[in-house]
Amino acid sequence: MKLELLVVIVHNRKKAYFSSIIQSHQANLQFMAPAQGTTHLIASVLGLAEKPKTLIAAVVRQDEAASLIEHLDQTFQKGGEYKGVAFTIRLTSVIGTLVYGFLCNDKRVKEEI
């Protein structure tokens, strides 16, 4: 199984909601970090407050990536605080069989430990 890095930027209040969607698609590893949208420069000049964002990075299996992106796209279409951006980047190599097994959620590799 090939792996991809999923990058999602969403409103801070919905980070747990989107994290659970990602986890439901067999993503064992997620990383969250505070982020800013591209409108923060214009908003700060106009004196408007921008809603804080969260960047979620997760490693997902390539066979799950398309359905996960579709699920996220449907959720983004709800509008409001459900809006966001999502894309994947193909990973070309991973060091170690155990790390690979964990990242792709391969139960056979976990049983060998």
PDB file of N, CA and C in Angstrom:
ATOM      1  N   MET A   1       0.831  -1.180   0.000  1.00  0.00           N
ATOM      2  CA  MET A   1       0.000   0.000   0.000  1.00  0.00           C
ATOM      3  C   MET A   1       0.875   1.242   0.000  1.00  0.00           C
ATOM      4  N   LYS A   2       0.534   2.192  -0.839  1.00  0.00           N
ATOM      5  CA  LYS A   2       1.251   3.458  -0.867  1.00  0.00           C
ATOM      6  C   LYS A   2       0.599   4.410   0.119  1.00  0.00           C
ATOM      7  N   LEU A   3       1.391   5.382   0.583  1.00  0.00           N
ATOM      8  CA  LEU A   3       0.916   6.333   1.576  1.00  0.00           C
ATOM      9  C   LEU A   3       0.941   7.746   1.016  1.00  0.00           C
ATOM     10  N   GLU A   4       0.059   8.605   1.570  1.00  0.00           N
ATOM     11  CA  GLU A   4       0.014  10.005   1.195  1.00  0.00           C
ATOM     12  C   GLU A   4      -0.072  10.855   2.449  1.00  0.00           C
ATOM     13  N   LEU A   5       0.459  12.072   2.361  1.00  0.00           N
ATOM     14  CA  LEU A   5       0.344  13.028   3.446  1.00  0.00           C
ATOM     15  C   LEU A   5      -0.861  13.902   3.156  1.00  0.00           C
ATOM     16  N   LEU A   6      -1.848  13.870   4.033  1.00  0.00           N
ATOM     17  CA  LEU A   6      -3.041  14.691   3.908  1.00  0.00           C
ATOM     18  C   LEU A   6      -2.826  15.976   4.691  1.00  0.00           C
ATOM     19  N   VAL A   7      -3.094  17.117   4.062  1.00  0.00           N
ATOM     20  CA  VAL A   7      -3.005  18.416   4.722  1.00  0.00           C
ATOM     21  C   VAL A   7      -4.390  19.049   4.666  1.00  0.00           C
ATOM     22  N   VAL A   8      -4.909  19.426   5.841  1.00  0.00           N
ATOM     23  CA  VAL A   8      -6.243  20.026   5.950  1.00  0.00           C
ATOM     24  C   VAL A   8      -6.121  21.292   6.785  1.00  0.00           C
ATOM     25  N   ILE A   9      -6.718  22.382   6.318  1.00  0.00           N
ATOM     26  CA  ILE A   9      -6.761  23.625   7.084  1.00  0.00           C
ATOM     27  C   ILE A   9      -8.234  23.944   7.323  1.00  0.00           C
ATOM     28  N   VAL A  10      -8.603  24.028   8.604  1.00  0.00           N
ATOM     29  CA  VAL A  10     -10.008  24.234   8.993  1.00  0.00           C
ATOM     30  C   VAL A  10     -10.091  25.261  10.117  1.00  0.00           C
ATOM     31  N   HIS A  11     -11.331  25.697  10.409  1.00  0.00           N
ATOM     32  CA  HIS A  11     -11.551  26.602  11.535  1.00  0.00           C
ATOM     33  C   HIS A  11     -11.194  25.894  12.836  1.00  0.00           C
ATOM     34  N   ASN A  12     -10.617  26.634  13.751  1.00  0.00           N
ATOM     35  CA  ASN A  12     -10.126  26.080  15.009  1.00  0.00           C
ATOM     36  C   ASN A  12     -11.222  25.361  15.804  1.00  0.00           C
ATOM     37  N   ARG A  13     -12.436  25.871  15.778  1.00  0.00           N
ATOM     38  CA  ARG A  13     -13.528  25.261  16.549  1.00  0.00           C
ATOM     39  C   ARG A  13     -13.919  23.879  16.034  1.00  0.00           C
ATOM     40  N   LYS A  14     -13.614  23.581  14.800  1.00  0.00           N
ATOM     41  CA  LYS A  14     -14.027  22.309  14.187  1.00  0.00           C
ATOM     42  C   LYS A  14     -12.879  21.317  14.041  1.00  0.00           C
ATOM     43  N   LYS A  15     -11.738  21.578  14.674  1.00  0.00           N
ATOM     44  CA  LYS A  15     -10.580  20.696  14.499  1.00  0.00           C
ATOM     45  C   LYS A  15     -10.855  19.282  15.014  1.00  0.00           C
ATOM     46  N   ALA A  16     -11.560  19.136  16.123  1.00  0.00           N
ATOM     47  CA  ALA A  16     -11.859  17.799  16.651  1.00  0.00           C
ATOM     48  C   ALA A  16     -12.819  17.052  15.722  1.00  0.00           C
ATOM     49  N   TYR A  17     -13.763  17.771  15.136  1.00  0.00           N
ATOM     50  CA  TYR A  17     -14.713  17.166  14.202  1.00  0.00           C
ATOM     51  C   TYR A  17     -13.981  16.611  12.977  1.00  0.00           C
ATOM     52  N   PHE A  18     -13.104  17.429  12.397  1.00  0.00           N
ATOM     53  CA  PHE A  18     -12.369  16.993  11.210  1.00  0.00           C
ATOM     54  C   PHE A  18     -11.352  15.902  11.556  1.00  0.00           C
ATOM     55  N   SER A  19     -10.775  15.973  12.730  1.00  0.00           N
ATOM     56  CA  SER A  19      -9.850  14.932  13.169  1.00  0.00           C
ATOM     57  C   SER A  19     -10.545  13.575  13.248  1.00  0.00           C
ATOM     58  N   SER A  20     -11.785  13.568  13.724  1.00  0.00           N
ATOM     59  CA  SER A  20     -12.518  12.300  13.810  1.00  0.00           C
ATOM     60  C   SER A  20     -12.864  11.757  12.423  1.00  0.00           C
ATOM     61  N   ILE A  21     -13.143  12.641  11.468  1.00  0.00           N
ATOM     62  CA  ILE A  21     -13.390  12.195  10.088  1.00  0.00           C
ATOM     63  C   ILE A  21     -12.125  11.537   9.528  1.00  0.00           C
ATOM     64  N   ILE A  22     -10.996  12.175   9.737  1.00  0.00           N
ATOM     65  CA  ILE A  22      -9.731  11.642   9.236  1.00  0.00           C
ATOM     66  C   ILE A  22      -9.425  10.297   9.880  1.00  0.00           C
ATOM     67  N   GLN A  23      -9.627  10.193  11.185  1.00  0.00           N
ATOM     68  CA  GLN A  23      -9.349   8.940  11.892  1.00  0.00           C
ATOM     69  C   GLN A  23     -10.263   7.818  11.416  1.00  0.00           C
ATOM     70  N   SER A  24     -11.489   8.152  11.019  1.00  0.00           N
ATOM     71  CA  SER A  24     -12.415   7.121  10.540  1.00  0.00           C
ATOM     72  C   SER A  24     -11.969   6.509   9.212  1.00  0.00           C
ATOM     73  N   HIS A  25     -10.998   7.145   8.547  1.00  0.00           N
ATOM     74  CA  HIS A  25     -10.458   6.615   7.287  1.00  0.00           C
ATOM     75  C   HIS A  25      -9.086   5.980   7.509  1.00  0.00           C
ATOM     76  N   GLN A  26      -8.890   5.351   8.661  1.00  0.00           N
ATOM     77  CA  GLN A  26      -7.711   4.551   8.995  1.00  0.00           C
ATOM     78  C   GLN A  26      -6.409   5.340   9.045  1.00  0.00           C
ATOM     79  N   ALA A  27      -6.470   6.596   9.496  1.00  0.00           N
ATOM     80  CA  ALA A  27      -5.259   7.389   9.675  1.00  0.00           C
ATOM     81  C   ALA A  27      -4.792   7.240  11.116  1.00  0.00           C
ATOM     82  N   ASN A  28      -3.642   6.602  11.316  1.00  0.00           N
ATOM     83  CA  ASN A  28      -3.120   6.378  12.665  1.00  0.00           C
ATOM     84  C   ASN A  28      -2.291   7.539  13.191  1.00  0.00           C
ATOM     85  N   LEU A  29      -1.846   8.438  12.343  1.00  0.00           N
ATOM     86  CA  LEU A  29      -0.966   9.519  12.761  1.00  0.00           C
ATOM     87  C   LEU A  29      -1.531  10.845  12.288  1.00  0.00           C
ATOM     88  N   GLN A  30      -1.757  11.765  13.238  1.00  0.00           N
ATOM     89  CA  GLN A  30      -2.216  13.112  12.913  1.00  0.00           C
ATOM     90  C   GLN A  30      -1.379  14.113  13.700  1.00  0.00           C
ATOM     91  N   PHE A  31      -1.190  15.268  13.106  1.00  0.00           N
ATOM     92  CA  PHE A  31      -0.468  16.363  13.740  1.00  0.00           C
ATOM     93  C   PHE A  31      -1.290  17.619  13.553  1.00  0.00           C
ATOM     94  N   MET A  32      -1.492  18.388  14.630  1.00  0.00           N
ATOM     95  CA  MET A  32      -2.247  19.640  14.544  1.00  0.00           C
ATOM     96  C   MET A  32      -1.362  20.804  14.946  1.00  0.00           C
ATOM     97  N   ALA A  33      -1.528  21.927  14.239  1.00  0.00           N
ATOM     98  CA  ALA A  33      -0.772  23.133  14.547  1.00  0.00           C
ATOM     99  C   ALA A  33      -1.647  24.351  14.258  1.00  0.00           C
ATOM    100  N   PRO A  34      -1.484  25.416  15.035  1.00  0.00           N
ATOM    101  CA  PRO A  34      -2.237  26.645  14.745  1.00  0.00           C
ATOM    102  C   PRO A  34      -1.812  27.217  13.401  1.00  0.00           C
ATOM    103  N   ALA A  35      -2.746  27.850  12.709  1.00  0.00           N
ATOM    104  CA  ALA A  35      -2.466  28.397  11.384  1.00  0.00           C
ATOM    105  C   ALA A  35      -3.253  29.688  11.184  1.00  0.00           C
ATOM    106  N   GLN A  36      -2.915  30.398  10.126  1.00  0.00           N
ATOM    107  CA  GLN A  36      -3.643  31.599   9.736  1.00  0.00           C
ATOM    108  C   GLN A  36      -4.057  31.461   8.292  1.00  0.00           C
ATOM    109  N   GLY A  37      -5.214  32.022   7.978  1.00  0.00           N
ATOM    110  CA  GLY A  37      -5.678  32.027   6.601  1.00  0.00           C
ATOM    111  C   GLY A  37      -4.967  33.105   5.806  1.00  0.00           C
ATOM    112  N   THR A  38      -5.172  33.101   4.499  1.00  0.00           N
ATOM    113  CA  THR A  38      -4.504  34.087   3.646  1.00  0.00           C
ATOM    114  C   THR A  38      -5.106  35.477   3.780  1.00  0.00           C
ATOM    115  N   THR A  39      -6.294  35.586   4.358  1.00  0.00           N
ATOM    116  CA  THR A  39      -6.932  36.896   4.474  1.00  0.00           C
ATOM    117  C   THR A  39      -6.475  37.660   5.708  1.00  0.00           C
ATOM    118  N   HIS A  40      -5.575  37.091   6.515  1.00  0.00           N
ATOM    119  CA  HIS A  40      -5.186  37.771   7.755  1.00  0.00           C
ATOM    120  C   HIS A  40      -4.504  39.110   7.493  1.00  0.00           C
ATOM    121  N   LEU A  41      -3.810  39.262   6.373  1.00  0.00           N
ATOM    122  CA  LEU A  41      -3.159  40.530   6.061  1.00  0.00           C
ATOM    123  C   LEU A  41      -4.181  41.620   5.779  1.00  0.00           C
ATOM    124  N   ILE A  42      -5.161  41.312   4.958  1.00  0.00           N
ATOM    125  CA  ILE A  42      -6.202  42.286   4.619  1.00  0.00           C
ATOM    126  C   ILE A  42      -7.060  42.585   5.840  1.00  0.00           C
ATOM    127  N   ALA A  43      -7.416  41.548   6.578  1.00  0.00           N
ATOM    128  CA  ALA A  43      -8.258  41.731   7.761  1.00  0.00           C
ATOM    129  C   ALA A  43      -7.568  42.608   8.801  1.00  0.00           C
ATOM    130  N   SER A  44      -6.268  42.424   8.985  1.00  0.00           N
ATOM    131  CA  SER A  44      -5.565  43.229   9.985  1.00  0.00           C
ATOM    132  C   SER A  44      -5.484  44.693   9.562  1.00  0.00           C
ATOM    133  N   VAL A  45      -5.333  44.968   8.269  1.00  0.00           N
ATOM    134  CA  VAL A  45      -5.311  46.348   7.776  1.00  0.00           C
ATOM    135  C   VAL A  45      -6.657  47.017   8.009  1.00  0.00           C
ATOM    136  N   LEU A  46      -7.734  46.272   7.816  1.00  0.00           N
ATOM    137  CA  LEU A  46      -9.085  46.818   7.981  1.00  0.00           C
ATOM    138  C   LEU A  46      -9.558  46.788   9.437  1.00  0.00           C
ATOM    139  N   GLY A  47      -8.753  46.222  10.315  1.00  0.00           N
ATOM    140  CA  GLY A  47      -9.131  46.153  11.720  1.00  0.00           C
ATOM    141  C   GLY A  47     -10.139  45.065  12.030  1.00  0.00           C
ATOM    142  N   LEU A  48     -10.248  44.079  11.175  1.00  0.00           N
ATOM    143  CA  LEU A  48     -11.179  42.968  11.387  1.00  0.00           C
ATOM    144  C   LEU A  48     -10.444  41.788  12.003  1.00  0.00           C
ATOM    145  N   ALA A  49     -11.123  41.076  12.866  1.00  0.00           N
ATOM    146  CA  ALA A  49     -10.516  39.891  13.480  1.00  0.00           C
ATOM    147  C   ALA A  49     -10.791  38.672  12.617  1.00  0.00           C
ATOM    148  N   GLU A  50      -9.760  37.891  12.402  1.00  0.00           N
ATOM    149  CA  GLU A  50      -9.924  36.660  11.630  1.00  0.00           C
ATOM    150  C   GLU A  50     -10.101  35.488  12.586  1.00  0.00           C
ATOM    151  N   LYS A  51     -10.910  34.522  12.190  1.00  0.00           N
ATOM    152  CA  LYS A  51     -11.106  33.328  13.000  1.00  0.00           C
ATOM    153  C   LYS A  51      -9.842  32.481  12.943  1.00  0.00           C
ATOM    154  N   PRO A  52      -9.374  31.984  14.092  1.00  0.00           N
ATOM    155  CA  PRO A  52      -8.166  31.154  14.081  1.00  0.00           C
ATOM    156  C   PRO A  52      -8.385  29.843  13.331  1.00  0.00           C
ATOM    157  N   LYS A  53      -7.334  29.379  12.685  1.00  0.00           N
ATOM    158  CA  LYS A  53      -7.378  28.150  11.898  1.00  0.00           C
ATOM    159  C   LYS A  53      -6.464  27.103  12.524  1.00  0.00           C
ATOM    160  N   THR A  54      -6.679  25.862  12.121  1.00  0.00           N
ATOM    161  CA  THR A  54      -5.822  24.754  12.534  1.00  0.00           C
ATOM    162  C   THR A  54      -5.388  23.989  11.299  1.00  0.00           C
ATOM    163  N   LEU A  55      -4.109  23.671  11.235  1.00  0.00           N
ATOM    164  CA  LEU A  55      -3.579  22.815  10.181  1.00  0.00           C
ATOM    165  C   LEU A  55      -3.498  21.406  10.746  1.00  0.00           C
ATOM    166  N   ILE A  56      -4.107  20.467  10.033  1.00  0.00           N
ATOM    167  CA  ILE A  56      -4.045  19.054  10.413  1.00  0.00           C
ATOM    168  C   ILE A  56      -3.270  18.326   9.319  1.00  0.00           C
ATOM    169  N   ALA A  57      -2.212  17.653   9.713  1.00  0.00           N
ATOM    170  CA  ALA A  57      -1.448  16.823   8.781  1.00  0.00           C
ATOM    171  C   ALA A  57      -1.602  15.375   9.236  1.00  0.00           C
ATOM    172  N   ALA A  58      -1.925  14.499   8.300  1.00  0.00           N
ATOM    173  CA  ALA A  58      -2.132  13.087   8.628  1.00  0.00           C
ATOM    174  C   ALA A  58      -1.568  12.221   7.518  1.00  0.00           C
ATOM    175  N   VAL A  59      -1.094  11.044   7.893  1.00  0.00           N
ATOM    176  CA  VAL A  59      -0.627  10.071   6.910  1.00  0.00           C
ATOM    177  C   VAL A  59      -1.781   9.105   6.654  1.00  0.00           C
ATOM    178  N   VAL A  60      -2.184   9.000   5.377  1.00  0.00           N
ATOM    179  CA  VAL A  60      -3.309   8.138   5.001  1.00  0.00           C
ATOM    180  C   VAL A  60      -2.887   7.184   3.888  1.00  0.00           C
ATOM    181  N   ARG A  61      -3.582   6.070   3.814  1.00  0.00           N
ATOM    182  CA  ARG A  61      -3.325   5.123   2.726  1.00  0.00           C
ATOM    183  C   ARG A  61      -3.865   5.695   1.423  1.00  0.00           C
ATOM    184  N   GLN A  62      -3.174   5.403   0.341  1.00  0.00           N
ATOM    185  CA  GLN A  62      -3.580   5.933  -0.953  1.00  0.00           C
ATOM    186  C   GLN A  62      -4.969   5.439  -1.350  1.00  0.00           C
ATOM    187  N   ASP A  63      -5.317   4.190  -0.990  1.00  0.00           N
ATOM    188  CA  ASP A  63      -6.634   3.671  -1.346  1.00  0.00           C
ATOM    189  C   ASP A  63      -7.754   4.332  -0.537  1.00  0.00           C
ATOM    190  N   GLU A  64      -7.440   4.990   0.574  1.00  0.00           N
ATOM    191  CA  GLU A  64      -8.421   5.705   1.387  1.00  0.00           C
ATOM    192  C   GLU A  64      -8.459   7.197   1.061  1.00  0.00           C
ATOM    193  N   ALA A  65      -7.406   7.711   0.424  1.00  0.00           N
ATOM    194  CA  ALA A  65      -7.262   9.152   0.222  1.00  0.00           C
ATOM    195  C   ALA A  65      -8.391   9.757  -0.611  1.00  0.00           C
ATOM    196  N   ALA A  66      -8.765   9.125  -1.692  1.00  0.00           N
ATOM    197  CA  ALA A  66      -9.806   9.694  -2.562  1.00  0.00           C
ATOM    198  C   ALA A  66     -11.153   9.784  -1.844  1.00  0.00           C
ATOM    199  N   SER A  67     -11.533   8.736  -1.138  1.00  0.00           N
ATOM    200  CA  SER A  67     -12.816   8.775  -0.425  1.00  0.00           C
ATOM    201  C   SER A  67     -12.764   9.759   0.737  1.00  0.00           C
ATOM    202  N   LEU A  68     -11.610   9.924   1.361  1.00  0.00           N
ATOM    203  CA  LEU A  68     -11.470  10.885   2.443  1.00  0.00           C
ATOM    204  C   LEU A  68     -11.587  12.312   1.920  1.00  0.00           C
ATOM    205  N   ILE A  69     -10.923  12.603   0.803  1.00  0.00           N
ATOM    206  CA  ILE A  69     -11.031  13.935   0.194  1.00  0.00           C
ATOM    207  C   ILE A  69     -12.478  14.223  -0.197  1.00  0.00           C
ATOM    208  N   GLU A  70     -13.168  13.228  -0.736  1.00  0.00           N
ATOM    209  CA  GLU A  70     -14.583  13.389  -1.110  1.00  0.00           C
ATOM    210  C   GLU A  70     -15.438  13.686   0.128  1.00  0.00           C
ATOM    211  N   HIS A  71     -15.196  12.951   1.209  1.00  0.00           N
ATOM    212  CA  HIS A  71     -15.921  13.167   2.465  1.00  0.00           C
ATOM    213  C   HIS A  71     -15.663  14.582   2.999  1.00  0.00           C
ATOM    214  N   LEU A  72     -14.409  15.016   2.976  1.00  0.00           N
ATOM    215  CA  LEU A  72     -14.074  16.360   3.433  1.00  0.00           C
ATOM    216  C   LEU A  72     -14.705  17.417   2.543  1.00  0.00           C
ATOM    217  N   ASP A  73     -14.707  17.200   1.231  1.00  0.00           N
ATOM    218  CA  ASP A  73     -15.306  18.157   0.297  1.00  0.00           C
ATOM    219  C   ASP A  73     -16.797  18.322   0.573  1.00  0.00           C
ATOM    220  N   GLN A  74     -17.493  17.223   0.820  1.00  0.00           N
ATOM    221  CA  GLN A  74     -18.923  17.307   1.143  1.00  0.00           C
ATOM    222  C   GLN A  74     -19.145  18.082   2.431  1.00  0.00           C
ATOM    223  N   THR A  75     -18.262  17.894   3.401  1.00  0.00           N
ATOM    224  CA  THR A  75     -18.374  18.626   4.659  1.00  0.00           C
ATOM    225  C   THR A  75     -18.078  20.107   4.461  1.00  0.00           C
ATOM    226  N   PHE A  76     -17.078  20.445   3.651  1.00  0.00           N
ATOM    227  CA  PHE A  76     -16.755  21.847   3.380  1.00  0.00           C
ATOM    228  C   PHE A  76     -17.929  22.575   2.739  1.00  0.00           C
ATOM    229  N   GLN A  77     -18.740  21.872   1.963  1.00  0.00           N
ATOM    230  CA  GLN A  77     -19.864  22.493   1.274  1.00  0.00           C
ATOM    231  C   GLN A  77     -20.996  22.900   2.209  1.00  0.00           C
ATOM    232  N   LYS A  78     -20.938  22.467   3.465  1.00  0.00           N
ATOM    233  CA  LYS A  78     -21.933  22.904   4.451  1.00  0.00           C
ATOM    234  C   LYS A  78     -21.802  24.397   4.723  1.00  0.00           C
ATOM    235  N   GLY A  79     -20.612  24.947   4.502  1.00  0.00           N
ATOM    236  CA  GLY A  79     -20.376  26.372   4.686  1.00  0.00           C
ATOM    237  C   GLY A  79     -20.091  26.734   6.133  1.00  0.00           C
ATOM    238  N   GLY A  80     -20.028  28.026   6.393  1.00  0.00           N
ATOM    239  CA  GLY A  80     -19.769  28.525   7.742  1.00  0.00           C
ATOM    240  C   GLY A  80     -18.436  28.038   8.273  1.00  0.00           C
ATOM    241  N   GLU A  81     -18.435  27.550   9.499  1.00  0.00           N
ATOM    242  CA  GLU A  81     -17.206  27.078  10.118  1.00  0.00           C
ATOM    243  C   GLU A  81     -16.780  25.695   9.618  1.00  0.00           C
ATOM    244  N   TYR A  82     -17.547  25.117   8.715  1.00  0.00           N
ATOM    245  CA  TYR A  82     -17.170  23.827   8.131  1.00  0.00           C
ATOM    246  C   TYR A  82     -16.315  23.993   6.888  1.00  0.00           C
ATOM    247  N   LYS A  83     -16.063  25.224   6.456  1.00  0.00           N
ATOM    248  CA  LYS A  83     -15.231  25.451   5.278  1.00  0.00           C
ATOM    249  C   LYS A  83     -13.785  25.094   5.583  1.00  0.00           C
ATOM    250  N   GLY A  84     -13.064  24.734   4.535  1.00  0.00           N
ATOM    251  CA  GLY A  84     -11.653  24.402   4.715  1.00  0.00           C
ATOM    252  C   GLY A  84     -10.982  24.078   3.400  1.00  0.00           C
ATOM    253  N   VAL A  85      -9.744  23.674   3.506  1.00  0.00           N
ATOM    254  CA  VAL A  85      -8.927  23.298   2.352  1.00  0.00           C
ATOM    255  C   VAL A  85      -8.288  21.954   2.672  1.00  0.00           C
ATOM    256  N   ALA A  86      -8.254  21.060   1.680  1.00  0.00           N
ATOM    257  CA  ALA A  86      -7.625  19.752   1.884  1.00  0.00           C
ATOM    258  C   ALA A  86      -6.924  19.317   0.598  1.00  0.00           C
ATOM    259  N   PHE A  87      -5.754  18.713   0.759  1.00  0.00           N
ATOM    260  CA  PHE A  87      -5.034  18.151  -0.378  1.00  0.00           C
ATOM    261  C   PHE A  87      -4.087  17.080   0.134  1.00  0.00           C
ATOM    262  N   THR A  88      -3.597  16.246  -0.773  1.00  0.00           N
ATOM    263  CA  THR A  88      -2.662  15.193  -0.407  1.00  0.00           C
ATOM    264  C   THR A  88      -1.366  15.334  -1.195  1.00  0.00           C
ATOM    265  N   ILE A  89      -0.301  14.812  -0.602  1.00  0.00           N
ATOM    266  CA  ILE A  89       1.013  14.753  -1.235  1.00  0.00           C
ATOM    267  C   ILE A  89       1.482  13.312  -1.142  1.00  0.00           C
ATOM    268  N   ARG A  90       1.872  12.730  -2.259  1.00  0.00           N
ATOM    269  CA  ARG A  90       2.315  11.332  -2.288  1.00  0.00           C
ATOM    270  C   ARG A  90       3.654  11.185  -1.562  1.00  0.00           C
ATOM    271  N   LEU A  91       3.745  10.188  -0.685  1.00  0.00           N
ATOM    272  CA  LEU A  91       5.001   9.870  -0.009  1.00  0.00           C
ATOM    273  C   LEU A  91       5.720   8.801  -0.825  1.00  0.00           C
ATOM    274  N   THR A  92       7.007   9.002  -1.056  1.00  0.00           N
ATOM    275  CA  THR A  92       7.733   8.060  -1.901  1.00  0.00           C
ATOM    276  C   THR A  92       8.462   6.985  -1.110  1.00  0.00           C
ATOM    277  N   SER A  93       8.770   7.251   0.176  1.00  0.00           N
ATOM    278  CA  SER A  93       9.447   6.214   0.957  1.00  0.00           C
ATOM    279  C   SER A  93       9.201   6.420   2.444  1.00  0.00           C
ATOM    280  N   VAL A  94       9.241   5.312   3.172  1.00  0.00           N
ATOM    281  CA  VAL A  94       9.122   5.314   4.626  1.00  0.00           C
ATOM    282  C   VAL A  94      10.169   4.345   5.149  1.00  0.00           C
ATOM    283  N   ILE A  95      10.908   4.770   6.161  1.00  0.00           N
ATOM    284  CA  ILE A  95      11.969   3.926   6.704  1.00  0.00           C
ATOM    285  C   ILE A  95      11.395   3.013   7.773  1.00  0.00           C
ATOM    286  N   GLY A  96      11.614   1.714   7.634  1.00  0.00           N
ATOM    287  CA  GLY A  96      11.246   0.750   8.659  1.00  0.00           C
ATOM    288  C   GLY A  96       9.910   0.074   8.428  1.00  0.00           C
ATOM    289  N   THR A  97       9.913  -1.232   8.566  1.00  0.00           N
ATOM    290  CA  THR A  97       8.700  -2.030   8.370  1.00  0.00           C
ATOM    291  C   THR A  97       7.659  -1.734   9.430  1.00  0.00           C
ATOM    292  N   LEU A  98       8.086  -1.584  10.675  1.00  0.00           N
ATOM    293  CA  LEU A  98       7.133  -1.320  11.755  1.00  0.00           C
ATOM    294  C   LEU A  98       6.476   0.049  11.596  1.00  0.00           C
ATOM    295  N   VAL A  99       7.259   1.049  11.206  1.00  0.00           N
ATOM    296  CA  VAL A  99       6.705   2.386  10.983  1.00  0.00           C
ATOM    297  C   VAL A  99       5.707   2.339   9.838  1.00  0.00           C
ATOM    298  N   TYR A 100       6.094   1.692   8.763  1.00  0.00           N
ATOM    299  CA  TYR A 100       5.188   1.562   7.618  1.00  0.00           C
ATOM    300  C   TYR A 100       3.899   0.849   8.026  1.00  0.00           C
ATOM    301  N   GLY A 101       4.004  -0.243   8.760  1.00  0.00           N
ATOM    302  CA  GLY A 101       2.820  -0.983   9.195  1.00  0.00           C
ATOM    303  C   GLY A 101       1.899  -0.145  10.051  1.00  0.00           C
ATOM    304  N   PHE A 102       2.475   0.663  10.928  1.00  0.00           N
ATOM    305  CA  PHE A 102       1.663   1.555  11.770  1.00  0.00           C
ATOM    306  C   PHE A 102       0.958   2.602  10.925  1.00  0.00           C
ATOM    307  N   LEU A 103       1.701   3.233  10.009  1.00  0.00           N
ATOM    308  CA  LEU A 103       1.131   4.309   9.212  1.00  0.00           C
ATOM    309  C   LEU A 103       0.034   3.839   8.268  1.00  0.00           C
ATOM    310  N   CYS A 104       0.173   2.633   7.720  1.00  0.00           N
ATOM    311  CA  CYS A 104      -0.849   2.144   6.789  1.00  0.00           C
ATOM    312  C   CYS A 104      -1.917   1.311   7.487  1.00  0.00           C
ATOM    313  N   ASN A 105      -1.822   1.198   8.822  1.00  0.00           N
ATOM    314  CA  ASN A 105      -2.805   0.464   9.619  1.00  0.00           C
ATOM    315  C   ASN A 105      -2.891  -0.994   9.176  1.00  0.00           C
ATOM    316  N   ASP A 106      -1.733  -1.580   8.917  1.00  0.00           N
ATOM    317  CA  ASP A 106      -1.647  -2.975   8.484  1.00  0.00           C
ATOM    318  C   ASP A 106      -1.558  -3.864   9.725  1.00  0.00           C
ATOM    319  N   LYS A 107      -2.589  -4.592  10.002  1.00  0.00           N
ATOM    320  CA  LYS A 107      -2.675  -5.411  11.206  1.00  0.00           C
ATOM    321  C   LYS A 107      -1.668  -6.571  11.181  1.00  0.00           C
ATOM    322  N   ARG A 108      -1.285  -7.039  10.002  1.00  0.00           N
ATOM    323  CA  ARG A 108      -0.313  -8.142   9.908  1.00  0.00           C
ATOM    324  C   ARG A 108       1.032  -7.738  10.481  1.00  0.00           C
ATOM    325  N   VAL A 109       1.467  -6.520  10.211  1.00  0.00           N
ATOM    326  CA  VAL A 109       2.758  -6.053  10.709  1.00  0.00           C
ATOM    327  C   VAL A 109       2.699  -5.881  12.211  1.00  0.00           C
ATOM    328  N   LYS A 110       1.575  -5.394  12.741  1.00  0.00           N
ATOM    329  CA  LYS A 110       1.420  -5.201  14.182  1.00  0.00           C
ATOM    330  C   LYS A 110       1.457  -6.532  14.928  1.00  0.00           C
ATOM    331  N   GLU A 111       0.935  -7.602  14.316  1.00  0.00           N
ATOM    332  CA  GLU A 111       0.910  -8.902  14.959  1.00  0.00           C
ATOM    333  C   GLU A 111       2.286  -9.536  15.062  1.00  0.00           C
ATOM    334  N   GLU A 112       3.213  -9.146  14.201  1.00  0.00           N
ATOM    335  CA  GLU A 112       4.566  -9.706  14.194  1.00  0.00           C
ATOM    336  C   GLU A 112       5.417  -9.185  15.344  1.00  0.00           C
ATOM    337  N   ILE A 113       5.016  -8.123  15.981  1.00  0.00           N
ATOM    338  CA  ILE A 113       5.811  -7.494  17.046  1.00  0.00           C
ATOM    339  C   ILE A 113       5.931  -8.377  18.253  1.00  0.00           C
TER     340      ILE A 113
END
